[in-house]
Amino acid sequence: MTSGFSMKHFRLGGVLLLVAACAGNPLDYTPAAGFDISGDWLLVPEISGAPPPRNQLRARGSMMAFVSQDFPVLRARRLHIEQNRDSMGVTFDGSRYRDVSWGVRQRGLWNVEAGWLEGALVIVSDAKDGEARETIMLSPDRQMLTIDIELKAGRENLALTRIFTRT
């Protein structure tokens, strides 16, 4: 397990990458050297953010309830990732599946761009009713996976960090 001091710096790096990505830096569609997140990952709940309960979002008629359902990483406790040179497939909790190709693609209602910025995988999704940015960072020892998620739906924003350890 990474020490608190190192984890704090690792998270700060994620925030800085997110700020840089928002500044309009173009994504590189070639995988970063050494960035291979293939394998099985288990959520570390004690250092991960918890999403708001779905029933709470639905009860207030939140647009976020609709948008967040397309991002199973918000609630996932286990990930199985298969990565190759042009894409990755992620299975969430053994059931829901998502395929992400490097570059720009259409996925249902979403326009999705996936690529690398300063060593992190950034997935930007845009639709009529919402926006999302996922920043995926691999720790230097390749044993921790930090996923920063930012969702915008109407006037609502949700920012959450989920941290997984390799099993």
N, C-alpha and C. Protein backbone atom coordinates (compact mmCIF):
# COMPACT_ATOMS: atom_id res chain seq x y z
N MET A 1 0.85 -1.18 0.00
CA MET A 1 0.00 0.00 0.00
C MET A 1 0.89 1.23 0.00
N THR A 2 0.53 2.24 -0.72
CA THR A 2 1.28 3.48 -0.80
C THR A 2 1.06 4.29 0.46
N SER A 3 2.10 4.97 0.95
CA SER A 3 1.96 5.78 2.16
C SER A 3 1.06 6.97 1.90
N GLY A 4 0.51 7.57 2.99
CA GLY A 4 -0.36 8.73 2.87
C GLY A 4 0.34 9.89 2.18
N PHE A 5 1.60 10.08 2.50
CA PHE A 5 2.36 11.18 1.89
C PHE A 5 2.44 10.99 0.39
N SER A 6 2.77 9.80 -0.06
CA SER A 6 2.87 9.54 -1.49
C SER A 6 1.51 9.62 -2.16
N MET A 7 0.47 9.11 -1.51
CA MET A 7 -0.87 9.14 -2.09
C MET A 7 -1.33 10.58 -2.26
N LYS A 8 -1.02 11.44 -1.29
CA LYS A 8 -1.41 12.85 -1.39
C LYS A 8 -0.77 13.47 -2.62
N HIS A 9 0.49 13.18 -2.83
CA HIS A 9 1.18 13.72 -4.00
C HIS A 9 0.65 13.11 -5.29
N PHE A 10 0.30 11.83 -5.25
CA PHE A 10 -0.26 11.15 -6.42
C PHE A 10 -1.59 11.80 -6.80
N ARG A 11 -2.44 12.09 -5.81
CA ARG A 11 -3.72 12.75 -6.07
C ARG A 11 -3.52 14.17 -6.58
N LEU A 12 -2.57 14.89 -5.99
CA LEU A 12 -2.29 16.25 -6.43
C LEU A 12 -1.86 16.24 -7.89
N GLY A 13 -1.06 15.25 -8.28
CA GLY A 13 -0.66 15.11 -9.68
C GLY A 13 -1.86 14.94 -10.58
N GLY A 14 -2.85 14.17 -10.12
CA GLY A 14 -4.08 13.98 -10.90
C GLY A 14 -4.84 15.27 -11.08
N VAL A 15 -4.92 16.06 -10.04
CA VAL A 15 -5.60 17.36 -10.14
C VAL A 15 -4.87 18.26 -11.12
N LEU A 16 -3.55 18.28 -11.06
CA LEU A 16 -2.78 19.11 -11.99
C LEU A 16 -2.96 18.64 -13.43
N LEU A 17 -3.01 17.32 -13.65
CA LEU A 17 -3.26 16.80 -15.00
C LEU A 17 -4.63 17.23 -15.48
N LEU A 18 -5.62 17.19 -14.60
CA LEU A 18 -6.97 17.57 -14.96
C LEU A 18 -7.03 19.04 -15.35
N VAL A 19 -6.35 19.89 -14.59
CA VAL A 19 -6.31 21.32 -14.92
C VAL A 19 -5.64 21.52 -16.28
N ALA A 20 -4.55 20.82 -16.52
CA ALA A 20 -3.86 20.94 -17.81
C ALA A 20 -4.75 20.47 -18.95
N ALA A 21 -5.49 19.39 -18.73
CA ALA A 21 -6.38 18.87 -19.78
C ALA A 21 -7.50 19.86 -20.07
N CYS A 22 -7.99 20.54 -19.03
CA CYS A 22 -9.06 21.51 -19.24
C CYS A 22 -8.55 22.74 -20.00
N ALA A 23 -7.26 22.95 -19.97
CA ALA A 23 -6.67 24.12 -20.64
C ALA A 23 -6.62 23.93 -22.15
N GLY A 24 -7.01 22.78 -22.65
CA GLY A 24 -7.09 22.57 -24.08
C GLY A 24 -5.90 21.87 -24.70
N ASN A 25 -5.06 21.25 -23.90
CA ASN A 25 -3.94 20.50 -24.47
C ASN A 25 -4.48 19.32 -25.25
N PRO A 26 -3.97 19.08 -26.46
CA PRO A 26 -4.47 17.96 -27.25
C PRO A 26 -4.03 16.62 -26.66
N LEU A 27 -4.89 15.63 -26.82
CA LEU A 27 -4.56 14.30 -26.33
C LEU A 27 -3.74 13.56 -27.38
N ASP A 28 -2.84 12.72 -26.91
CA ASP A 28 -2.03 11.87 -27.78
C ASP A 28 -2.72 10.51 -27.84
N TYR A 29 -2.99 10.01 -29.02
CA TYR A 29 -3.72 8.76 -29.17
C TYR A 29 -2.82 7.52 -29.15
N THR A 30 -1.54 7.72 -28.93
CA THR A 30 -0.60 6.61 -28.81
C THR A 30 -0.41 6.32 -27.33
N PRO A 31 -0.61 5.09 -26.89
CA PRO A 31 -0.47 4.78 -25.46
C PRO A 31 0.88 5.23 -24.90
N ALA A 32 0.83 5.79 -23.70
CA ALA A 32 2.05 6.22 -23.02
C ALA A 32 2.93 5.00 -22.74
N ALA A 33 4.23 5.17 -22.86
CA ALA A 33 5.17 4.07 -22.61
C ALA A 33 4.97 3.53 -21.20
N GLY A 34 4.85 2.21 -21.10
CA GLY A 34 4.72 1.57 -19.79
C GLY A 34 3.33 1.66 -19.18
N PHE A 35 2.37 2.27 -19.87
CA PHE A 35 1.02 2.39 -19.34
C PHE A 35 0.21 1.19 -19.79
N ASP A 36 0.17 0.18 -18.95
CA ASP A 36 -0.64 -1.01 -19.23
C ASP A 36 -1.42 -1.33 -17.97
N ILE A 37 -2.71 -1.15 -18.05
CA ILE A 37 -3.56 -1.36 -16.87
C ILE A 37 -4.36 -2.65 -16.98
N SER A 38 -3.91 -3.54 -17.85
CA SER A 38 -4.56 -4.85 -17.98
C SER A 38 -4.53 -5.59 -16.65
N GLY A 39 -5.60 -6.29 -16.35
CA GLY A 39 -5.62 -7.11 -15.15
C GLY A 39 -6.84 -6.84 -14.30
N ASP A 40 -6.78 -7.34 -13.09
CA ASP A 40 -7.88 -7.23 -12.14
C ASP A 40 -7.55 -6.20 -11.08
N TRP A 41 -8.55 -5.39 -10.75
CA TRP A 41 -8.38 -4.28 -9.81
C TRP A 41 -9.51 -4.31 -8.79
N LEU A 42 -9.17 -4.03 -7.54
CA LEU A 42 -10.12 -4.03 -6.45
C LEU A 42 -10.15 -2.64 -5.81
N LEU A 43 -11.36 -2.11 -5.59
CA LEU A 43 -11.53 -0.80 -4.98
C LEU A 43 -10.92 -0.77 -3.59
N VAL A 44 -10.29 0.35 -3.25
CA VAL A 44 -9.80 0.60 -1.91
C VAL A 44 -10.77 1.64 -1.31
N PRO A 45 -11.84 1.17 -0.65
CA PRO A 45 -12.91 2.09 -0.23
C PRO A 45 -12.48 3.13 0.78
N GLU A 46 -11.54 2.80 1.64
CA GLU A 46 -11.14 3.75 2.69
C GLU A 46 -10.43 4.99 2.14
N ILE A 47 -9.94 4.94 0.91
CA ILE A 47 -9.30 6.13 0.32
C ILE A 47 -9.98 6.57 -0.98
N SER A 48 -11.15 6.00 -1.25
CA SER A 48 -11.91 6.36 -2.44
C SER A 48 -13.15 7.16 -2.05
N GLY A 49 -13.55 8.05 -2.94
CA GLY A 49 -14.78 8.80 -2.72
C GLY A 49 -15.99 7.91 -2.96
N ALA A 50 -17.08 8.23 -2.27
CA ALA A 50 -18.33 7.48 -2.44
C ALA A 50 -19.32 8.32 -3.23
N PRO A 51 -19.92 7.75 -4.26
CA PRO A 51 -20.90 8.52 -5.05
C PRO A 51 -22.19 8.73 -4.25
N PRO A 52 -22.95 9.78 -4.59
CA PRO A 52 -24.23 9.97 -3.92
C PRO A 52 -25.17 8.80 -4.26
N PRO A 53 -26.01 8.40 -3.32
CA PRO A 53 -26.94 7.29 -3.59
C PRO A 53 -27.85 7.59 -4.78
N ARG A 54 -28.05 6.58 -5.63
CA ARG A 54 -28.89 6.76 -6.82
C ARG A 54 -30.31 7.21 -6.47
N ASN A 55 -30.88 6.59 -5.42
CA ASN A 55 -32.25 6.94 -5.06
C ASN A 55 -32.36 8.40 -4.62
N GLN A 56 -31.31 8.93 -4.04
CA GLN A 56 -31.29 10.34 -3.65
C GLN A 56 -31.28 11.23 -4.89
N LEU A 57 -30.48 10.87 -5.89
CA LEU A 57 -30.44 11.63 -7.14
C LEU A 57 -31.78 11.56 -7.86
N ARG A 58 -32.36 10.35 -7.93
CA ARG A 58 -33.64 10.18 -8.61
C ARG A 58 -34.77 10.92 -7.91
N ALA A 59 -34.76 10.90 -6.57
CA ALA A 59 -35.84 11.51 -5.79
C ALA A 59 -35.94 13.01 -6.04
N ARG A 60 -34.83 13.64 -6.28
CA ARG A 60 -34.88 15.09 -6.52
C ARG A 60 -34.97 15.42 -8.01
N GLY A 61 -35.22 14.39 -8.84
CA GLY A 61 -35.39 14.62 -10.27
C GLY A 61 -34.12 15.11 -10.94
N SER A 62 -33.01 14.64 -10.45
CA SER A 62 -31.71 15.10 -10.90
C SER A 62 -31.34 14.59 -12.29
N MET A 63 -30.86 15.49 -13.13
CA MET A 63 -30.33 15.10 -14.43
C MET A 63 -29.06 14.26 -14.23
N MET A 64 -28.38 14.48 -13.10
CA MET A 64 -27.17 13.71 -12.78
C MET A 64 -27.50 12.22 -12.66
N ALA A 65 -28.69 11.87 -12.20
CA ALA A 65 -29.08 10.46 -12.09
C ALA A 65 -29.07 9.81 -13.47
N PHE A 66 -29.52 10.52 -14.48
CA PHE A 66 -29.55 10.00 -15.84
C PHE A 66 -28.13 9.89 -16.40
N VAL A 67 -27.32 10.94 -16.26
CA VAL A 67 -25.97 10.97 -16.82
C VAL A 67 -25.06 9.96 -16.13
N SER A 68 -25.12 9.88 -14.81
CA SER A 68 -24.19 9.03 -14.07
C SER A 68 -24.37 7.54 -14.36
N GLN A 69 -25.53 7.12 -14.83
CA GLN A 69 -25.74 5.70 -15.10
C GLN A 69 -24.83 5.20 -16.24
N ASP A 70 -24.32 6.10 -17.07
CA ASP A 70 -23.42 5.70 -18.15
C ASP A 70 -21.96 5.56 -17.71
N PHE A 71 -21.70 5.77 -16.42
CA PHE A 71 -20.32 5.70 -15.91
C PHE A 71 -20.27 4.74 -14.71
N PRO A 72 -20.25 3.43 -15.01
CA PRO A 72 -20.29 2.43 -13.93
C PRO A 72 -19.08 2.47 -13.00
N VAL A 73 -18.01 3.12 -13.39
CA VAL A 73 -16.84 3.23 -12.52
C VAL A 73 -17.19 3.99 -11.23
N LEU A 74 -18.23 4.80 -11.27
CA LEU A 74 -18.65 5.54 -10.07
C LEU A 74 -19.00 4.62 -8.91
N ARG A 75 -19.54 3.45 -9.21
CA ARG A 75 -20.01 2.54 -8.16
C ARG A 75 -19.27 1.19 -8.15
N ALA A 76 -18.41 0.98 -9.11
CA ALA A 76 -17.74 -0.32 -9.24
C ALA A 76 -16.81 -0.61 -8.06
N ARG A 77 -16.78 -1.88 -7.67
CA ARG A 77 -15.88 -2.33 -6.61
C ARG A 77 -14.75 -3.19 -7.20
N ARG A 78 -14.99 -3.73 -8.40
CA ARG A 78 -13.98 -4.55 -9.09
C ARG A 78 -13.94 -4.16 -10.56
N LEU A 79 -12.75 -4.14 -11.12
CA LEU A 79 -12.57 -3.89 -12.54
C LEU A 79 -11.74 -5.02 -13.13
N HIS A 80 -12.10 -5.45 -14.31
CA HIS A 80 -11.25 -6.34 -15.10
C HIS A 80 -10.98 -5.59 -16.39
N ILE A 81 -9.70 -5.33 -16.68
CA ILE A 81 -9.34 -4.52 -17.84
C ILE A 81 -8.48 -5.34 -18.79
N GLU A 82 -8.84 -5.27 -20.07
CA GLU A 82 -8.03 -5.85 -21.14
C GLU A 82 -7.63 -4.69 -22.04
N GLN A 83 -6.34 -4.46 -22.16
CA GLN A 83 -5.84 -3.33 -22.94
C GLN A 83 -4.96 -3.85 -24.08
N ASN A 84 -5.15 -3.24 -25.25
CA ASN A 84 -4.24 -3.53 -26.36
C ASN A 84 -3.78 -2.21 -26.97
N ARG A 85 -3.15 -2.25 -28.12
CA ARG A 85 -2.52 -1.05 -28.68
C ARG A 85 -3.51 0.02 -29.14
N ASP A 86 -4.78 -0.34 -29.40
CA ASP A 86 -5.72 0.66 -29.89
C ASP A 86 -6.99 0.83 -29.06
N SER A 87 -7.10 0.07 -27.97
CA SER A 87 -8.32 0.19 -27.16
C SER A 87 -8.16 -0.56 -25.84
N MET A 88 -9.21 -0.46 -25.01
CA MET A 88 -9.29 -1.29 -23.81
C MET A 88 -10.75 -1.64 -23.57
N GLY A 89 -10.95 -2.78 -22.94
CA GLY A 89 -12.28 -3.21 -22.52
C GLY A 89 -12.27 -3.33 -21.02
N VAL A 90 -13.33 -2.82 -20.39
CA VAL A 90 -13.42 -2.85 -18.93
C VAL A 90 -14.72 -3.54 -18.53
N THR A 91 -14.61 -4.53 -17.67
CA THR A 91 -15.78 -5.17 -17.07
C THR A 91 -15.87 -4.67 -15.63
N PHE A 92 -17.04 -4.14 -15.28
CA PHE A 92 -17.28 -3.58 -13.96
C PHE A 92 -18.06 -4.58 -13.12
N ASP A 93 -17.49 -4.99 -11.99
CA ASP A 93 -18.15 -5.91 -11.06
C ASP A 93 -18.64 -7.18 -11.74
N GLY A 94 -17.95 -7.62 -12.77
CA GLY A 94 -18.28 -8.88 -13.43
C GLY A 94 -19.49 -8.84 -14.34
N SER A 95 -20.10 -7.65 -14.54
CA SER A 95 -21.30 -7.63 -15.37
C SER A 95 -21.26 -6.55 -16.44
N ARG A 96 -21.29 -5.29 -16.09
CA ARG A 96 -21.33 -4.24 -17.11
C ARG A 96 -19.99 -4.15 -17.83
N TYR A 97 -20.05 -3.86 -19.12
CA TYR A 97 -18.84 -3.82 -19.95
C TYR A 97 -18.79 -2.51 -20.71
N ARG A 98 -17.58 -1.99 -20.87
CA ARG A 98 -17.36 -0.77 -21.65
C ARG A 98 -16.11 -0.93 -22.49
N ASP A 99 -16.21 -0.56 -23.75
CA ASP A 99 -15.07 -0.58 -24.66
C ASP A 99 -14.67 0.86 -24.93
N VAL A 100 -13.38 1.15 -24.83
CA VAL A 100 -12.85 2.49 -25.09
C VAL A 100 -11.76 2.38 -26.14
N SER A 101 -11.93 3.07 -27.26
CA SER A 101 -10.92 3.09 -28.32
C SER A 101 -10.17 4.41 -28.25
N TRP A 102 -8.88 4.37 -28.51
CA TRP A 102 -8.08 5.60 -28.50
C TRP A 102 -8.48 6.43 -29.71
N GLY A 103 -8.66 7.72 -29.51
CA GLY A 103 -9.08 8.62 -30.57
C GLY A 103 -10.47 9.14 -30.29
N VAL A 104 -11.17 9.52 -31.35
CA VAL A 104 -12.51 10.10 -31.23
C VAL A 104 -13.53 9.10 -31.78
N ARG A 105 -14.57 8.84 -31.00
CA ARG A 105 -15.61 7.88 -31.39
C ARG A 105 -16.97 8.37 -30.90
N GLN A 106 -18.00 7.78 -31.47
CA GLN A 106 -19.38 7.99 -31.01
C GLN A 106 -19.76 6.76 -30.21
N ARG A 107 -20.30 6.93 -29.01
CA ARG A 107 -20.75 5.81 -28.17
C ARG A 107 -22.15 6.15 -27.66
N GLY A 108 -23.15 5.63 -28.32
CA GLY A 108 -24.53 5.97 -27.96
C GLY A 108 -24.75 7.47 -28.15
N LEU A 109 -25.20 8.13 -27.11
CA LEU A 109 -25.44 9.57 -27.15
C LEU A 109 -24.15 10.39 -26.96
N TRP A 110 -23.08 9.72 -26.62
CA TRP A 110 -21.83 10.40 -26.24
C TRP A 110 -20.84 10.49 -27.40
N ASN A 111 -20.20 11.65 -27.53
CA ASN A 111 -19.00 11.82 -28.35
C ASN A 111 -17.84 11.61 -27.38
N VAL A 112 -16.96 10.66 -27.68
CA VAL A 112 -15.92 10.28 -26.74
C VAL A 112 -14.55 10.48 -27.39
N GLU A 113 -13.64 11.11 -26.65
CA GLU A 113 -12.25 11.24 -27.07
C GLU A 113 -11.39 10.62 -25.98
N ALA A 114 -10.52 9.68 -26.35
CA ALA A 114 -9.66 9.01 -25.38
C ALA A 114 -8.22 9.07 -25.86
N GLY A 115 -7.34 9.50 -24.97
CA GLY A 115 -5.92 9.58 -25.29
C GLY A 115 -5.12 9.95 -24.06
N TRP A 116 -3.85 10.19 -24.27
CA TRP A 116 -2.94 10.43 -23.16
C TRP A 116 -2.53 11.89 -23.07
N LEU A 117 -2.40 12.31 -21.82
CA LEU A 117 -1.90 13.65 -21.51
C LEU A 117 -0.96 13.49 -20.33
N GLU A 118 0.30 13.78 -20.56
CA GLU A 118 1.33 13.72 -19.51
C GLU A 118 1.31 12.40 -18.75
N GLY A 119 1.20 11.30 -19.48
CA GLY A 119 1.29 9.98 -18.88
C GLY A 119 0.00 9.41 -18.34
N ALA A 120 -1.08 10.18 -18.32
CA ALA A 120 -2.38 9.68 -17.83
C ALA A 120 -3.32 9.47 -19.00
N LEU A 121 -4.19 8.48 -18.88
CA LEU A 121 -5.23 8.25 -19.87
C LEU A 121 -6.40 9.17 -19.53
N VAL A 122 -6.82 9.97 -20.50
CA VAL A 122 -7.93 10.91 -20.30
C VAL A 122 -9.04 10.54 -21.27
N ILE A 123 -10.25 10.39 -20.73
CA ILE A 123 -11.42 10.08 -21.55
C ILE A 123 -12.41 11.21 -21.36
N VAL A 124 -12.68 11.92 -22.44
CA VAL A 124 -13.60 13.05 -22.40
C VAL A 124 -14.86 12.66 -23.16
N SER A 125 -16.00 12.75 -22.49
CA SER A 125 -17.29 12.39 -23.10
C SER A 125 -18.19 13.62 -23.08
N ASP A 126 -18.87 13.85 -24.21
CA ASP A 126 -19.73 15.01 -24.34
C ASP A 126 -21.03 14.59 -25.01
N ALA A 127 -22.15 15.03 -24.43
CA ALA A 127 -23.47 14.75 -24.99
C ALA A 127 -24.34 15.99 -24.79
N LYS A 128 -25.50 15.96 -25.38
CA LYS A 128 -26.42 17.09 -25.27
C LYS A 128 -26.71 17.44 -23.81
N ASP A 129 -26.89 16.42 -22.97
CA ASP A 129 -27.31 16.64 -21.60
C ASP A 129 -26.20 16.55 -20.55
N GLY A 130 -24.97 16.34 -20.98
CA GLY A 130 -23.92 16.20 -19.97
C GLY A 130 -22.53 16.15 -20.55
N GLU A 131 -21.57 16.27 -19.64
CA GLU A 131 -20.15 16.17 -19.97
C GLU A 131 -19.48 15.33 -18.91
N ALA A 132 -18.41 14.65 -19.30
CA ALA A 132 -17.66 13.85 -18.35
C ALA A 132 -16.19 13.87 -18.72
N ARG A 133 -15.35 13.80 -17.71
CA ARG A 133 -13.91 13.67 -17.91
C ARG A 133 -13.41 12.65 -16.90
N GLU A 134 -12.77 11.60 -17.43
CA GLU A 134 -12.16 10.58 -16.59
C GLU A 134 -10.66 10.64 -16.81
N THR A 135 -9.92 10.77 -15.73
CA THR A 135 -8.47 10.79 -15.80
C THR A 135 -7.96 9.57 -15.05
N ILE A 136 -7.26 8.69 -15.75
CA ILE A 136 -6.82 7.42 -15.19
C ILE A 136 -5.30 7.43 -15.09
N MET A 137 -4.82 7.29 -13.85
CA MET A 137 -3.38 7.35 -13.59
C MET A 137 -2.92 6.06 -12.94
N LEU A 138 -1.79 5.57 -13.37
CA LEU A 138 -1.17 4.37 -12.83
C LEU A 138 -0.03 4.80 -11.92
N SER A 139 0.03 4.27 -10.71
CA SER A 139 1.09 4.64 -9.77
C SER A 139 2.44 4.19 -10.32
N PRO A 140 3.53 4.82 -9.86
CA PRO A 140 4.86 4.45 -10.35
C PRO A 140 5.19 2.96 -10.17
N ASP A 141 4.67 2.34 -9.11
CA ASP A 141 4.94 0.91 -8.91
C ASP A 141 3.94 0.02 -9.65
N ARG A 142 2.99 0.64 -10.38
CA ARG A 142 2.00 -0.03 -11.21
C ARG A 142 1.01 -0.90 -10.41
N GLN A 143 0.87 -0.63 -9.11
CA GLN A 143 -0.01 -1.41 -8.26
C GLN A 143 -1.28 -0.68 -7.85
N MET A 144 -1.34 0.63 -8.11
CA MET A 144 -2.51 1.43 -7.75
C MET A 144 -3.01 2.14 -9.00
N LEU A 145 -4.32 2.22 -9.13
CA LEU A 145 -4.96 2.88 -10.25
C LEU A 145 -5.89 3.95 -9.67
N THR A 146 -5.63 5.20 -10.01
CA THR A 146 -6.46 6.30 -9.54
C THR A 146 -7.29 6.79 -10.71
N ILE A 147 -8.61 6.88 -10.50
CA ILE A 147 -9.52 7.35 -11.53
C ILE A 147 -10.26 8.56 -10.98
N ASP A 148 -9.96 9.72 -11.54
CA ASP A 148 -10.67 10.96 -11.19
C ASP A 148 -11.80 11.12 -12.20
N ILE A 149 -13.01 11.31 -11.69
CA ILE A 149 -14.19 11.45 -12.55
C ILE A 149 -14.84 12.79 -12.26
N GLU A 150 -15.13 13.51 -13.32
CA GLU A 150 -15.88 14.76 -13.20
C GLU A 150 -17.07 14.66 -14.14
N LEU A 151 -18.27 14.85 -13.59
CA LEU A 151 -19.49 14.83 -14.39
C LEU A 151 -20.19 16.17 -14.26
N LYS A 152 -20.77 16.63 -15.36
CA LYS A 152 -21.60 17.83 -15.37
C LYS A 152 -22.90 17.49 -16.07
N ALA A 153 -24.00 17.81 -15.42
CA ALA A 153 -25.32 17.57 -16.00
C ALA A 153 -26.21 18.74 -15.58
N GLY A 154 -26.63 19.53 -16.56
CA GLY A 154 -27.40 20.72 -16.22
C GLY A 154 -26.56 21.63 -15.36
N ARG A 155 -27.10 21.99 -14.21
CA ARG A 155 -26.36 22.86 -13.27
C ARG A 155 -25.63 22.07 -12.20
N GLU A 156 -25.65 20.76 -12.31
CA GLU A 156 -25.03 19.91 -11.30
C GLU A 156 -23.65 19.45 -11.71
N ASN A 157 -22.76 19.34 -10.74
CA ASN A 157 -21.41 18.83 -10.94
C ASN A 157 -21.15 17.74 -9.91
N LEU A 158 -20.41 16.74 -10.33
CA LEU A 158 -19.99 15.68 -9.44
C LEU A 158 -18.52 15.40 -9.73
N ALA A 159 -17.68 15.47 -8.70
CA ALA A 159 -16.26 15.14 -8.83
C ALA A 159 -15.96 14.06 -7.81
N LEU A 160 -15.31 13.00 -8.26
CA LEU A 160 -15.08 11.85 -7.41
C LEU A 160 -13.77 11.19 -7.79
N THR A 161 -13.04 10.70 -6.80
CA THR A 161 -11.82 9.95 -7.05
C THR A 161 -12.01 8.53 -6.54
N ARG A 162 -11.74 7.56 -7.41
CA ARG A 162 -11.84 6.15 -7.06
C ARG A 162 -10.43 5.56 -7.18
N ILE A 163 -10.01 4.80 -6.19
CA ILE A 163 -8.67 4.23 -6.17
C ILE A 163 -8.79 2.71 -6.07
N PHE A 164 -8.07 2.03 -6.96
CA PHE A 164 -8.09 0.59 -7.05
C PHE A 164 -6.68 0.05 -6.87
N THR A 165 -6.59 -1.16 -6.33
CA THR A 165 -5.29 -1.83 -6.20
C THR A 165 -5.32 -3.08 -7.07
N ARG A 166 -4.16 -3.39 -7.64
CA ARG A 166 -4.05 -4.57 -8.51
C ARG A 166 -4.14 -5.83 -7.67
N THR A 167 -4.91 -6.82 -8.15
CA THR A 167 -5.02 -8.09 -7.40
C THR A 167 -4.27 -9.18 -8.12
